[in-house]
PDB file of N, CA and C in Angstrom:
ATOM      1  N   MET A   1     114.972  50.841 100.886  1.00  0.00           N
ATOM      2  CA  MET A   1     114.215  52.129 101.298  1.00  0.00           C
ATOM      3  C   MET A   1     112.957  51.640 101.875  1.00  0.00           C
ATOM      4  N   THR A   2     112.506  52.200 103.087  1.00  0.00           N
ATOM      5  CA  THR A   2     111.242  52.018 103.531  1.00  0.00           C
ATOM      6  C   THR A   2     110.341  53.127 102.981  1.00  0.00           C
ATOM      7  N   LYS A   3     109.067  52.509 102.955  1.00  0.00           N
ATOM      8  CA  LYS A   3     108.166  53.414 102.369  1.00  0.00           C
ATOM      9  C   LYS A   3     107.497  54.295 103.533  1.00  0.00           C
ATOM     10  N   PRO A   4     107.227  55.576 103.412  1.00  0.00           N
ATOM     11  CA  PRO A   4     106.744  56.602 104.455  1.00  0.00           C
ATOM     12  C   PRO A   4     105.374  56.017 104.785  1.00  0.00           C
ATOM     13  N   ARG A   5     105.055  56.100 105.968  1.00  0.00           N
ATOM     14  CA  ARG A   5     103.681  55.524 106.453  1.00  0.00           C
ATOM     15  C   ARG A   5     102.722  56.532 105.965  1.00  0.00           C
ATOM     16  N   GLU A   6     101.565  56.124 105.808  1.00  0.00           N
ATOM     17  CA  GLU A   6     100.271  57.039 105.204  1.00  0.00           C
ATOM     18  C   GLU A   6      99.780  57.620 106.510  1.00  0.00           C
ATOM     19  N   LYS A   7      99.210  58.933 106.422  1.00  0.00           N
ATOM     20  CA  LYS A   7      98.624  59.532 107.561  1.00  0.00           C
ATOM     21  C   LYS A   7      97.260  59.034 107.829  1.00  0.00           C
ATOM     22  N   THR A   8      96.911  59.055 109.069  1.00  0.00           N
ATOM     23  CA  THR A   8      95.582  58.722 109.371  1.00  0.00           C
ATOM     24  C   THR A   8      94.561  59.659 109.128  1.00  0.00           C
ATOM     25  N   ARG A   9      93.328  59.375 109.188  1.00  0.00           N
ATOM     26  CA  ARG A   9      92.302  60.199 108.722  1.00  0.00           C
ATOM     27  C   ARG A   9      92.240  61.424 109.778  1.00  0.00           C
ATOM     28  N   GLU A  10      92.470  61.043 110.983  1.00  0.00           N
ATOM     29  CA  GLU A  10      92.694  62.357 112.010  1.00  0.00           C
ATOM     30  C   GLU A  10      93.654  63.214 111.847  1.00  0.00           C
ATOM     31  N   GLU A  11      94.829  62.632 111.401  1.00  0.00           N
ATOM     32  CA  GLU A  11      96.032  63.532 111.045  1.00  0.00           C
ATOM     33  C   GLU A  11      95.675  64.328 109.726  1.00  0.00           C
ATOM     34  N   LEU A  12      95.041  63.828 108.894  1.00  0.00           N
ATOM     35  CA  LEU A  12      94.729  64.662 107.637  1.00  0.00           C
ATOM     36  C   LEU A  12      93.875  65.684 108.007  1.00  0.00           C
ATOM     37  N   THR A  13      92.712  65.387 108.861  1.00  0.00           N
ATOM     38  CA  THR A  13      91.736  66.229 109.218  1.00  0.00           C
ATOM     39  C   THR A  13      92.313  67.410 109.997  1.00  0.00           C
ATOM     40  N   ALA A  14      93.421  67.094 110.857  1.00  0.00           N
ATOM     41  CA  ALA A  14      93.987  68.093 111.725  1.00  0.00           C
ATOM     42  C   ALA A  14      94.682  69.068 110.776  1.00  0.00           C
ATOM     43  N   GLU A  15      95.363  68.606 109.862  1.00  0.00           N
ATOM     44  CA  GLU A  15      96.255  69.290 108.829  1.00  0.00           C
ATOM     45  C   GLU A  15      95.216  70.245 108.127  1.00  0.00           C
ATOM     46  N   ILE A  16      94.275  69.689 107.708  1.00  0.00           N
ATOM     47  CA  ILE A  16      93.273  70.610 106.912  1.00  0.00           C
ATOM     48  C   ILE A  16      92.968  71.719 107.850  1.00  0.00           C
ATOM     49  N   GLU A  17      92.578  71.493 109.015  1.00  0.00           N
ATOM     50  CA  GLU A  17      92.114  72.397 110.095  1.00  0.00           C
ATOM     51  C   GLU A  17      93.312  73.451 110.185  1.00  0.00           C
ATOM     52  N   ASP A  18      94.444  72.887 110.407  1.00  0.00           N
ATOM     53  CA  ASP A  18      95.694  73.953 110.476  1.00  0.00           C
ATOM     54  C   ASP A  18      95.818  74.677 109.278  1.00  0.00           C
ATOM     55  N   GLY A  19      95.720  74.113 108.106  1.00  0.00           N
ATOM     56  CA  GLY A  19      95.739  74.994 106.920  1.00  0.00           C
ATOM     57  C   GLY A  19      94.655  76.136 106.777  1.00  0.00           C
ATOM     58  N   LYS A  20      93.340  75.701 107.309  1.00  0.00           N
ATOM     59  CA  LYS A  20      92.447  76.869 107.372  1.00  0.00           C
ATOM     60  C   LYS A  20      92.598  77.823 108.361  1.00  0.00           C
ATOM     61  N   LYS A  21      93.210  77.481 109.466  1.00  0.00           N
ATOM     62  CA  LYS A  21      93.514  78.438 110.482  1.00  0.00           C
ATOM     63  C   LYS A  21      94.482  79.425 109.951  1.00  0.00           C
ATOM     64  N   LYS A  22      95.642  78.811 109.182  1.00  0.00           N
ATOM     65  CA  LYS A  22      96.668  79.848 108.671  1.00  0.00           C
ATOM     66  C   LYS A  22      96.098  80.590 107.555  1.00  0.00           C
ATOM     67  N   ILE A  23      95.093  80.137 106.877  1.00  0.00           N
ATOM     68  CA  ILE A  23      94.460  80.940 105.864  1.00  0.00           C
ATOM     69  C   ILE A  23      93.651  82.183 106.572  1.00  0.00           C
ATOM     70  N   ARG A  24      92.917  81.820 107.517  1.00  0.00           N
ATOM     71  CA  ARG A  24      92.311  82.930 108.434  1.00  0.00           C
ATOM     72  C   ARG A  24      93.304  84.042 108.886  1.00  0.00           C
ATOM     73  N   GLN A  25      94.344  83.438 109.267  1.00  0.00           N
ATOM     74  CA  GLN A  25      95.337  84.321 109.928  1.00  0.00           C
ATOM     75  C   GLN A  25      95.861  85.323 108.797  1.00  0.00           C
ATOM     76  N   PHE A  26      96.277  84.621 107.678  1.00  0.00           N
ATOM     77  CA  PHE A  26      96.809  85.498 106.443  1.00  0.00           C
ATOM     78  C   PHE A  26      95.668  86.556 105.996  1.00  0.00           C
ATOM     79  N   GLU A  27      94.332  86.130 106.021  1.00  0.00           N
ATOM     80  CA  GLU A  27      93.415  87.108 105.474  1.00  0.00           C
ATOM     81  C   GLU A  27      93.137  88.226 106.590  1.00  0.00           C
ATOM     82  N   ASN A  28      93.367  87.962 107.785  1.00  0.00           N
ATOM     83  CA  ASN A  28      93.228  88.900 108.798  1.00  0.00           C
ATOM     84  C   ASN A  28      94.385  89.768 108.771  1.00  0.00           C
ATOM     85  N   ARG A  29      95.660  89.336 108.475  1.00  0.00           N
ATOM     86  CA  ARG A  29      96.768  90.216 108.437  1.00  0.00           C
ATOM     87  C   ARG A  29      96.756  91.065 107.151  1.00  0.00           C
ATOM     88  N   GLU A  30      96.169  90.432 106.024  1.00  0.00           N
ATOM     89  CA  GLU A  30      95.989  91.256 104.880  1.00  0.00           C
ATOM     90  C   GLU A  30      94.932  92.412 105.093  1.00  0.00           C
ATOM     91  N   LYS A  31      93.998  92.126 105.889  1.00  0.00           N
ATOM     92  CA  LYS A  31      92.805  93.230 106.173  1.00  0.00           C
ATOM     93  C   LYS A  31      93.454  94.249 107.086  1.00  0.00           C
ATOM     94  N   MET A  32      94.392  93.931 107.927  1.00  0.00           N
ATOM     95  CA  MET A  32      94.946  94.861 108.744  1.00  0.00           C
ATOM     96  C   MET A  32      96.104  95.875 107.985  1.00  0.00           C
ATOM     97  N   LEU A  33      96.803  95.030 106.974  1.00  0.00           N
ATOM     98  CA  LEU A  33      97.706  95.957 106.298  1.00  0.00           C
ATOM     99  C   LEU A  33      96.922  96.828 105.298  1.00  0.00           C
ATOM    100  N   ARG A  34      95.768  96.363 104.728  1.00  0.00           N
ATOM    101  CA  ARG A  34      94.946  97.223 103.869  1.00  0.00           C
ATOM    102  C   ARG A  34      94.555  98.428 104.802  1.00  0.00           C
ATOM    103  N   GLN A  35      94.032  98.329 105.761  1.00  0.00           N
ATOM    104  CA  GLN A  35      93.644  99.273 106.766  1.00  0.00           C
ATOM    105  C   GLN A  35      94.709 100.297 106.976  1.00  0.00           C
ATOM    106  N   LYS A  36      95.872  99.799 107.208  1.00  0.00           N
ATOM    107  CA  LYS A  36      97.048 100.611 107.600  1.00  0.00           C
ATOM    108  C   LYS A  36      97.361 101.457 106.391  1.00  0.00           C
ATOM    109  N   LEU A  37      97.224 100.915 105.119  1.00  0.00           N
ATOM    110  CA  LEU A  37      97.696 101.535 103.968  1.00  0.00           C
ATOM    111  C   LEU A  37      96.658 102.729 103.611  1.00  0.00           C
ATOM    112  N   SER A  38      95.333 102.355 103.856  1.00  0.00           N
ATOM    113  CA  SER A  38      94.276 103.391 103.710  1.00  0.00           C
ATOM    114  C   SER A  38      94.540 104.551 104.607  1.00  0.00           C
ATOM    115  N   VAL A  39      94.828 104.410 105.927  1.00  0.00           N
ATOM    116  CA  VAL A  39      95.108 105.423 106.873  1.00  0.00           C
ATOM    117  C   VAL A  39      96.344 106.222 106.623  1.00  0.00           C
ATOM    118  N   GLU A  40      97.536 105.462 106.010  1.00  0.00           N
ATOM    119  CA  GLU A  40      98.536 106.201 105.479  1.00  0.00           C
ATOM    120  C   GLU A  40      98.243 107.179 104.282  1.00  0.00           C
ATOM    121  N   GLU A  41      97.411 106.709 103.291  1.00  0.00           N
ATOM    122  CA  GLU A  41      97.095 107.341 102.108  1.00  0.00           C
ATOM    123  C   GLU A  41      96.138 108.569 102.409  1.00  0.00           C
ATOM    124  N   ARG A  42      95.409 108.433 103.368  1.00  0.00           N
ATOM    125  CA  ARG A  42      94.454 109.507 103.917  1.00  0.00           C
ATOM    126  C   ARG A  42      95.347 110.539 104.636  1.00  0.00           C
ATOM    127  N   LYS A  43      96.247 110.137 105.295  1.00  0.00           N
ATOM    128  CA  LYS A  43      97.139 111.173 105.927  1.00  0.00           C
ATOM    129  C   LYS A  43      98.100 111.873 104.972  1.00  0.00           C
ATOM    130  N   ALA A  44      98.488 111.064 103.950  1.00  0.00           N
ATOM    131  CA  ALA A  44      99.214 111.897 102.817  1.00  0.00           C
ATOM    132  C   ALA A  44      98.337 112.893 102.139  1.00  0.00           C
ATOM    133  N   ARG A  45      97.162 112.535 101.897  1.00  0.00           N
ATOM    134  CA  ARG A  45      96.331 113.357 101.258  1.00  0.00           C
ATOM    135  C   ARG A  45      95.869 114.627 102.070  1.00  0.00           C
ATOM    136  N   ASN A  46      95.731 114.411 103.195  1.00  0.00           N
ATOM    137  CA  ASN A  46      95.392 115.532 104.193  1.00  0.00           C
ATOM    138  C   ASN A  46      96.564 116.480 104.262  1.00  0.00           C
ATOM    139  N   HIS A  47      97.609 115.958 104.356  1.00  0.00           N
ATOM    140  CA  HIS A  47      98.881 116.580 104.495  1.00  0.00           C
ATOM    141  C   HIS A  47      98.993 117.412 103.158  1.00  0.00           C
ATOM    142  N   ARG A  48      98.885 116.782 101.936  1.00  0.00           N
ATOM    143  CA  ARG A  48      98.995 117.685 100.729  1.00  0.00           C
ATOM    144  C   ARG A  48      97.914 118.606 100.614  1.00  0.00           C
ATOM    145  N   LEU A  49      96.643 118.505 101.162  1.00  0.00           N
ATOM    146  CA  LEU A  49      95.672 119.438 101.000  1.00  0.00           C
ATOM    147  C   LEU A  49      95.939 120.697 101.920  1.00  0.00           C
ATOM    148  N   CYS A  50      96.503 120.351 103.101  1.00  0.00           N
ATOM    149  CA  CYS A  50      96.878 121.463 104.038  1.00  0.00           C
ATOM    150  C   CYS A  50      97.935 122.181 103.477  1.00  0.00           C
ATOM    151  N   LYS A  51      99.011 121.604 103.020  1.00  0.00           N
ATOM    152  CA  LYS A  51     100.121 122.431 102.488  1.00  0.00           C
ATOM    153  C   LYS A  51      99.679 123.318 101.313  1.00  0.00           C
ATOM    154  N   ARG A  52      98.792 122.718 100.294  1.00  0.00           N
ATOM    155  CA  ARG A  52      98.292 123.514  99.151  1.00  0.00           C
ATOM    156  C   ARG A  52      97.383 124.634  99.576  1.00  0.00           C
ATOM    157  N   GLY A  53      96.625 124.364 100.603  1.00  0.00           N
ATOM    158  CA  GLY A  53      95.899 125.427 101.130  1.00  0.00           C
ATOM    159  C   GLY A  53      96.590 126.539 101.691  1.00  0.00           C
ATOM    160  N   GLY A  54      97.768 126.056 102.337  1.00  0.00           N
ATOM    161  CA  GLY A  54      98.651 127.258 102.902  1.00  0.00           C
ATOM    162  C   GLY A  54      99.258 127.967 101.842  1.00  0.00           C
ATOM    163  N   PHE A  55      99.728 127.213 100.694  1.00  0.00           N
ATOM    164  CA  PHE A  55     100.379 128.011  99.585  1.00  0.00           C
ATOM    165  C   PHE A  55      99.249 128.982  98.956  1.00  0.00           C
ATOM    166  N   MET A  56      97.994 128.511  98.778  1.00  0.00           N
ATOM    167  CA  MET A  56      97.045 129.420  98.238  1.00  0.00           C
ATOM    168  C   MET A  56      96.803 130.794  99.091  1.00  0.00           C
ATOM    169  N   GLU A  57      96.703 130.452 100.552  1.00  0.00           N
ATOM    170  CA  GLU A  57      96.728 131.652 101.315  1.00  0.00           C
ATOM    171  C   GLU A  57      97.822 132.481 101.335  1.00  0.00           C
ATOM    172  N   SER A  58      99.068 132.012 101.252  1.00  0.00           N
ATOM    173  CA  SER A  58     100.072 132.800 101.210  1.00  0.00           C
ATOM    174  C   SER A  58     100.220 133.683  99.873  1.00  0.00           C
ATOM    175  N   VAL A  59      99.699 133.042  98.754  1.00  0.00           N
ATOM    176  CA  VAL A  59      99.906 133.717  97.660  1.00  0.00           C
ATOM    177  C   VAL A  59      98.732 134.908  97.517  1.00  0.00           C
ATOM    178  N   VAL A  60      97.599 134.468  98.001  1.00  0.00           N
ATOM    179  CA  VAL A  60      96.364 135.327  97.928  1.00  0.00           C
ATOM    180  C   VAL A  60      95.865 135.440  99.415  1.00  0.00           C
ATOM    181  N   PRO A  61      96.309 136.428 100.202  1.00  0.00           N
ATOM    182  CA  PRO A  61      95.932 136.318 101.666  1.00  0.00           C
ATOM    183  C   PRO A  61      94.530 136.706 101.861  1.00  0.00           C
ATOM    184  N   GLU A  62      93.894 137.452 100.777  1.00  0.00           N
ATOM    185  CA  GLU A  62      92.312 137.741 101.097  1.00  0.00           C
ATOM    186  C   GLU A  62      91.629 136.571 101.214  1.00  0.00           C
ATOM    187  N   LEU A  63      92.066 135.366 100.785  1.00  0.00           N
ATOM    188  CA  LEU A  63      91.246 134.098 100.975  1.00  0.00           C
ATOM    189  C   LEU A  63      90.908 133.812 102.332  1.00  0.00           C
ATOM    190  N   ILE A  64      91.821 134.198 103.248  1.00  0.00           N
ATOM    191  CA  ILE A  64      91.698 133.882 104.573  1.00  0.00           C
ATOM    192  C   ILE A  64      90.426 134.417 105.180  1.00  0.00           C
ATOM    193  N   ALA A  65      89.932 135.653 104.754  1.00  0.00           N
ATOM    194  CA  ALA A  65      88.770 136.207 105.284  1.00  0.00           C
ATOM    195  C   ALA A  65      87.528 136.018 104.442  1.00  0.00           C
ATOM    196  N   MET A  66      87.782 135.431 103.165  1.00  0.00           N
ATOM    197  CA  MET A  66      86.567 135.152 102.443  1.00  0.00           C
ATOM    198  C   MET A  66      85.719 133.978 102.831  1.00  0.00           C
ATOM    199  N   PRO A  67      84.507 133.976 102.725  1.00  0.00           N
ATOM    200  CA  PRO A  67      83.650 132.923 103.135  1.00  0.00           C
ATOM    201  C   PRO A  67      83.855 131.690 101.960  1.00  0.00           C
ATOM    202  N   ASP A  68      83.810 130.523 102.342  1.00  0.00           N
ATOM    203  CA  ASP A  68      84.118 129.330 101.499  1.00  0.00           C
ATOM    204  C   ASP A  68      83.644 129.542 100.091  1.00  0.00           C
ATOM    205  N   GLU A  69      82.343 129.907 100.032  1.00  0.00           N
ATOM    206  CA  GLU A  69      81.740 130.050  98.483  1.00  0.00           C
ATOM    207  C   GLU A  69      82.356 131.028  97.620  1.00  0.00           C
ATOM    208  N   GLU A  70      82.633 132.244  98.353  1.00  0.00           N
ATOM    209  CA  GLU A  70      83.379 133.265  97.507  1.00  0.00           C
ATOM    210  C   GLU A  70      84.898 132.789  97.344  1.00  0.00           C
ATOM    211  N   ALA A  71      85.621 132.151  98.133  1.00  0.00           N
ATOM    212  CA  ALA A  71      86.854 131.570  97.804  1.00  0.00           C
ATOM    213  C   ALA A  71      86.784 130.536  96.779  1.00  0.00           C
ATOM    214  N   LYS A  72      85.830 129.641  96.880  1.00  0.00           N
ATOM    215  CA  LYS A  72      85.613 128.676  95.695  1.00  0.00           C
ATOM    216  C   LYS A  72      85.365 129.402  94.350  1.00  0.00           C
ATOM    217  N   ALA A  73      84.649 130.448  94.373  1.00  0.00           N
ATOM    218  CA  ALA A  73      84.217 131.151  93.214  1.00  0.00           C
ATOM    219  C   ALA A  73      85.539 131.841  92.579  1.00  0.00           C
ATOM    220  N   PHE A  74      86.206 132.426  93.594  1.00  0.00           N
ATOM    221  CA  PHE A  74      87.520 133.025  93.101  1.00  0.00           C
ATOM    222  C   PHE A  74      88.442 132.110  92.356  1.00  0.00           C
ATOM    223  N   LEU A  75      88.724 131.053  93.155  1.00  0.00           N
ATOM    224  CA  LEU A  75      89.706 129.848  92.624  1.00  0.00           C
ATOM    225  C   LEU A  75      89.203 129.396  91.331  1.00  0.00           C
ATOM    226  N   ARG A  76      87.928 129.154  91.172  1.00  0.00           N
ATOM    227  CA  ARG A  76      87.283 128.672  89.868  1.00  0.00           C
ATOM    228  C   ARG A  76      87.575 129.644  88.699  1.00  0.00           C
ATOM    229  N   LEU A  77      87.298 130.945  89.179  1.00  0.00           N
ATOM    230  CA  LEU A  77      87.619 132.031  88.177  1.00  0.00           C
ATOM    231  C   LEU A  77      89.054 132.039  87.730  1.00  0.00           C
ATOM    232  N   ALA A  78      89.875 132.081  88.793  1.00  0.00           N
ATOM    233  CA  ALA A  78      91.281 132.071  88.578  1.00  0.00           C
ATOM    234  C   ALA A  78      91.936 130.873  87.659  1.00  0.00           C
ATOM    235  N   LEU A  79      91.423 129.781  87.996  1.00  0.00           N
ATOM    236  CA  LEU A  79      91.852 128.423  87.265  1.00  0.00           C
ATOM    237  C   LEU A  79      91.304 128.313  85.927  1.00  0.00           C
ATOM    238  N   THR A  80      90.250 128.872  85.747  1.00  0.00           N
ATOM    239  CA  THR A  80      89.546 128.800  84.353  1.00  0.00           C
ATOM    240  C   THR A  80      90.018 129.891  83.279  1.00  0.00           C
ATOM    241  N   SER A  81      91.067 130.874  83.859  1.00  0.00           N
ATOM    242  CA  SER A  81      91.380 131.833  83.125  1.00  0.00           C
ATOM    243  C   SER A  81      92.604 131.387  82.109  1.00  0.00           C
ATOM    244  N   GLU A  82      92.513 132.188  80.805  1.00  0.00           N
ATOM    245  CA  GLU A  82      93.384 131.712  79.736  1.00  0.00           C
ATOM    246  C   GLU A  82      94.776 131.329  80.185  1.00  0.00           C
ATOM    247  N   PRO A  83      95.493 132.135  80.873  1.00  0.00           N
ATOM    248  CA  PRO A  83      96.887 131.825  81.312  1.00  0.00           C
ATOM    249  C   PRO A  83      96.923 130.499  82.266  1.00  0.00           C
ATOM    250  N   ALA A  84      95.928 130.265  82.978  1.00  0.00           N
ATOM    251  CA  ALA A  84      95.913 129.026  83.898  1.00  0.00           C
ATOM    252  C   ALA A  84      95.686 127.862  82.939  1.00  0.00           C
ATOM    253  N   GLN A  85      94.742 128.033  82.011  1.00  0.00           N
ATOM    254  CA  GLN A  85      94.378 126.922  81.041  1.00  0.00           C
ATOM    255  C   GLN A  85      95.774 126.500  80.153  1.00  0.00           C
ATOM    256  N   GLU A  86      96.376 127.542  79.799  1.00  0.00           N
ATOM    257  CA  GLU A  86      97.686 127.305  78.821  1.00  0.00           C
ATOM    258  C   GLU A  86      98.638 126.609  79.708  1.00  0.00           C
ATOM    259  N   PHE A  87      98.880 126.949  81.043  1.00  0.00           N
ATOM    260  CA  PHE A  87      99.871 126.401  81.979  1.00  0.00           C
ATOM    261  C   PHE A  87      99.540 125.108  82.081  1.00  0.00           C
ATOM    262  N   LEU A  88      98.372 124.724  82.278  1.00  0.00           N
ATOM    263  CA  LEU A  88      97.943 123.264  82.546  1.00  0.00           C
ATOM    264  C   LEU A  88      98.069 122.482  81.304  1.00  0.00           C
ATOM    265  N   LYS A  89      97.581 123.047  80.132  1.00  0.00           N
ATOM    266  CA  LYS A  89      97.727 122.208  78.886  1.00  0.00           C
ATOM    267  C   LYS A  89      99.240 122.020  78.679  1.00  0.00           C
ATOM    268  N   LYS A  90     100.218 122.839  78.954  1.00  0.00           N
ATOM    269  CA  LYS A  90     101.614 122.683  78.613  1.00  0.00           C
ATOM    270  C   LYS A  90     102.159 121.554  79.671  1.00  0.00           C
ATOM    271  N   ARG A  91     101.693 121.599  80.830  1.00  0.00           N
ATOM    272  CA  ARG A  91     102.080 120.618  81.897  1.00  0.00           C
ATOM    273  C   ARG A  91     101.651 119.357  81.337  1.00  0.00           C
ATOM    274  N   VAL A  92     100.519 119.100  80.882  1.00  0.00           N
ATOM    275  CA  VAL A  92      99.971 117.814  80.473  1.00  0.00           C
ATOM    276  C   VAL A  92     100.745 117.391  79.240  1.00  0.00           C
ATOM    277  N   GLY A  93     100.923 118.421  78.408  1.00  0.00           N
ATOM    278  CA  GLY A  93     101.731 118.088  77.134  1.00  0.00           C
ATOM    279  C   GLY A  93     103.189 117.636  77.223  1.00  0.00           C
ATOM    280  N   ASP A  94     103.691 118.248  78.415  1.00  0.00           N
ATOM    281  CA  ASP A  94     105.087 117.779  78.788  1.00  0.00           C
ATOM    282  C   ASP A  94     105.264 116.580  79.511  1.00  0.00           C
ATOM    283  N   GLY A  95     104.309 115.934  79.761  1.00  0.00           N
ATOM    284  CA  GLY A  95     104.205 114.653  80.341  1.00  0.00           C
ATOM    285  C   GLY A  95     104.625 114.769  81.994  1.00  0.00           C
ATOM    286  N   ASN A  96     104.213 116.012  82.531  1.00  0.00           N
ATOM    287  CA  ASN A  96     104.490 116.229  83.945  1.00  0.00           C
ATOM    288  C   ASN A  96     103.297 116.094  84.760  1.00  0.00           C
ATOM    289  N   ALA A  97     102.160 115.632  84.333  1.00  0.00           N
ATOM    290  CA  ALA A  97     101.035 115.395  85.159  1.00  0.00           C
ATOM    291  C   ALA A  97     101.138 114.341  86.009  1.00  0.00           C
ATOM    292  N   GLU A  98     100.573 114.159  87.265  1.00  0.00           N
ATOM    293  CA  GLU A  98     100.805 113.319  88.242  1.00  0.00           C
ATOM    294  C   GLU A  98      99.825 112.270  88.018  1.00  0.00           C
TER     295      GLU A  98
END
């Protein structure tokens, strides 16, 4: 059996540079994928917020005409009521929290 020839210094240097280039490519690919994931998460959040805002306005149509501060005060009051707190506690107790 013949012994494989050893690589020259230039070949080893070229191989190292090729490896560094591939590392940079993978790092750039990772960065692009993370940005895409961030955009998708933001879109999902925006969609969820719009849907829930629509639910609130359909249940309490008066919210549409209220200034933001009044709507915020109303929702805070409604969500800190005894029945709302009991509902939330039961939901967390059942393990249904997200």
